[in-house]
Amino acid sequence: MSLSHITIEQARSMIGLEVRFQETHCTVIEVLEDGPSVVLLDRSRGNDIQADQHGEAHRRVPKTYVIKILNPSKDEFSLSFLALDPLI
């Protein structure tokens, strides 16, 4: 791997991109500046049950994944980010 840089604007251009993550069909739905990270929405599985603020499970929501763009030292792309396979 080489020294890599990405701007938030470049990362945001990925929103809407269909990718494969760990053999799962996902869509990039958000970019978090803290990290930075991309948020993936799982398109291939059923919904997970989400608890409310009191711990009561009342609704089903799609599963999401948060993938850090950079490694811990922030000088290269993370292996998880590099493993994202765009679906064309």
C-alpha atoms as a PDB file:
ATOM      1  CA  MET A   1       0.000   0.000   0.000  1.00  0.00           C
ATOM      2  CA  SER A   2       1.136   3.515  -0.636  1.00  0.00           C
ATOM      3  CA  LEU A   3       0.585   6.820   1.111  1.00  0.00           C
ATOM      4  CA  SER A   4      -2.989   7.804   0.303  1.00  0.00           C
ATOM      5  CA  HIS A   5      -5.091  10.913   0.822  1.00  0.00           C
ATOM      6  CA  ILE A   6      -8.793  11.450   0.254  1.00  0.00           C
ATOM      7  CA  THR A   7     -10.851  14.575   0.781  1.00  0.00           C
ATOM      8  CA  ILE A   8     -14.300  14.558   2.339  1.00  0.00           C
ATOM      9  CA  GLU A   9     -15.681  15.797  -0.998  1.00  0.00           C
ATOM     10  CA  GLN A  10     -14.108  12.820  -2.782  1.00  0.00           C
ATOM     11  CA  ALA A  11     -15.524  10.455  -0.178  1.00  0.00           C
ATOM     12  CA  ARG A  12     -18.979  12.062  -0.455  1.00  0.00           C
ATOM     13  CA  SER A  13     -18.931  11.417  -4.201  1.00  0.00           C
ATOM     14  CA  MET A  14     -19.201   7.724  -3.262  1.00  0.00           C
ATOM     15  CA  ILE A  15     -22.705   8.191  -1.817  1.00  0.00           C
ATOM     16  CA  GLY A  16     -25.094   6.042  -3.825  1.00  0.00           C
ATOM     17  CA  LEU A  17     -22.345   3.686  -5.012  1.00  0.00           C
ATOM     18  CA  GLU A  18     -23.304   0.005  -4.952  1.00  0.00           C
ATOM     19  CA  VAL A  19     -20.517  -2.137  -3.469  1.00  0.00           C
ATOM     20  CA  ARG A  20     -19.878  -5.653  -2.273  1.00  0.00           C
ATOM     21  CA  PHE A  21     -18.660  -5.842   1.336  1.00  0.00           C
ATOM     22  CA  GLN A  22     -17.895  -9.269   2.819  1.00  0.00           C
ATOM     23  CA  GLU A  23     -19.976 -10.971   0.102  1.00  0.00           C
ATOM     24  CA  THR A  24     -22.902  -8.638   0.870  1.00  0.00           C
ATOM     25  CA  HIS A  25     -24.550  -6.231  -1.578  1.00  0.00           C
ATOM     26  CA  CYS A  26     -24.467  -2.751   0.004  1.00  0.00           C
ATOM     27  CA  THR A  27     -25.002   0.906  -0.890  1.00  0.00           C
ATOM     28  CA  VAL A  28     -22.883   3.779   0.424  1.00  0.00           C
ATOM     29  CA  ILE A  29     -25.439   6.009   2.189  1.00  0.00           C
ATOM     30  CA  GLU A  30     -23.335   8.431   4.240  1.00  0.00           C
ATOM     31  CA  VAL A  31     -19.832   9.748   4.890  1.00  0.00           C
ATOM     32  CA  LEU A  32     -18.808  10.527   8.446  1.00  0.00           C
ATOM     33  CA  GLU A  33     -16.113  13.195   8.747  1.00  0.00           C
ATOM     34  CA  ASP A  34     -14.973  11.832  12.085  1.00  0.00           C
ATOM     35  CA  GLY A  35     -12.702   8.998  11.063  1.00  0.00           C
ATOM     36  CA  PRO A  36     -13.385   9.520   8.164  1.00  0.00           C
ATOM     37  CA  SER A  37     -15.734   6.613   7.493  1.00  0.00           C
ATOM     38  CA  VAL A  38     -18.346   5.485   5.004  1.00  0.00           C
ATOM     39  CA  VAL A  39     -21.683   4.034   6.085  1.00  0.00           C
ATOM     40  CA  LEU A  40     -23.001   1.084   4.087  1.00  0.00           C
ATOM     41  CA  LEU A  41     -26.621  -0.064   3.939  1.00  0.00           C
ATOM     42  CA  ASP A  42     -26.977  -3.842   3.603  1.00  0.00           C
ATOM     43  CA  ARG A  43     -29.241  -4.569   0.606  1.00  0.00           C
ATOM     44  CA  SER A  44     -29.137  -8.350   0.676  1.00  0.00           C
ATOM     45  CA  ARG A  45     -30.331  -9.261   4.169  1.00  0.00           C
ATOM     46  CA  GLY A  46     -33.541  -8.842   6.067  1.00  0.00           C
ATOM     47  CA  ASN A  47     -34.039  -6.168   8.646  1.00  0.00           C
ATOM     48  CA  ASP A  48     -32.589  -6.157  12.168  1.00  0.00           C
ATOM     49  CA  ILE A  49     -34.696  -5.331  15.191  1.00  0.00           C
ATOM     50  CA  GLN A  50     -33.851  -1.923  16.668  1.00  0.00           C
ATOM     51  CA  ALA A  51     -34.461  -1.132  20.311  1.00  0.00           C
ATOM     52  CA  ASP A  52     -35.763   2.263  21.389  1.00  0.00           C
ATOM     53  CA  GLN A  53     -34.174   4.430  24.101  1.00  0.00           C
ATOM     54  CA  HIS A  54     -35.721   2.207  26.778  1.00  0.00           C
ATOM     55  CA  GLY A  55     -34.392  -1.033  25.301  1.00  0.00           C
ATOM     56  CA  GLU A  56     -37.751  -2.117  23.900  1.00  0.00           C
ATOM     57  CA  ALA A  57     -37.602  -3.670  20.438  1.00  0.00           C
ATOM     58  CA  HIS A  58     -40.348  -2.088  18.342  1.00  0.00           C
ATOM     59  CA  ARG A  59     -39.156  -1.683  14.780  1.00  0.00           C
ATOM     60  CA  ARG A  60     -37.152  -3.348  12.083  1.00  0.00           C
ATOM     61  CA  VAL A  61     -34.368  -1.471  10.303  1.00  0.00           C
ATOM     62  CA  PRO A  62     -31.861  -2.450   7.598  1.00  0.00           C
ATOM     63  CA  LYS A  63     -28.399  -3.457   8.826  1.00  0.00           C
ATOM     64  CA  THR A  64     -25.627  -0.888   8.369  1.00  0.00           C
ATOM     65  CA  TYR A  65     -21.844  -1.071   8.508  1.00  0.00           C
ATOM     66  CA  VAL A  66     -19.394   1.740   9.303  1.00  0.00           C
ATOM     67  CA  ILE A  67     -16.098   1.341   7.427  1.00  0.00           C
ATOM     68  CA  LYS A  68     -13.126   3.520   8.289  1.00  0.00           C
ATOM     69  CA  ILE A  69     -11.492   4.963   5.180  1.00  0.00           C
ATOM     70  CA  LEU A  70      -7.997   5.303   6.667  1.00  0.00           C
ATOM     71  CA  ASN A  71      -5.896   2.983   8.832  1.00  0.00           C
ATOM     72  CA  PRO A  72      -5.249   3.863  12.515  1.00  0.00           C
ATOM     73  CA  SER A  73      -2.131   5.895  11.675  1.00  0.00           C
ATOM     74  CA  LYS A  74      -4.128   7.719   8.953  1.00  0.00           C
ATOM     75  CA  ASP A  75      -1.370   7.389   6.367  1.00  0.00           C
ATOM     76  CA  GLU A  76      -2.928   4.657   4.180  1.00  0.00           C
ATOM     77  CA  PHE A  77      -6.370   3.383   3.233  1.00  0.00           C
ATOM     78  CA  SER A  78      -7.764   0.779   5.649  1.00  0.00           C
ATOM     79  CA  LEU A  79      -7.911  -2.825   4.494  1.00  0.00           C
ATOM     80  CA  SER A  80     -11.712  -2.838   4.913  1.00  0.00           C
ATOM     81  CA  PHE A  81     -12.054   0.214   2.666  1.00  0.00           C
ATOM     82  CA  LEU A  82      -9.750  -1.313   0.057  1.00  0.00           C
ATOM     83  CA  ALA A  83     -11.819  -4.518   0.142  1.00  0.00           C
ATOM     84  CA  LEU A  84     -14.984  -2.693  -1.017  1.00  0.00           C
ATOM     85  CA  ASP A  85     -15.756  -4.026  -4.481  1.00  0.00           C
ATOM     86  CA  PRO A  86     -17.797  -1.626  -6.645  1.00  0.00           C
ATOM     87  CA  LEU A  87     -20.743  -3.250  -8.440  1.00  0.00           C
ATOM     88  CA  ILE A  88     -21.132  -1.899 -11.937  1.00  0.00           C
END
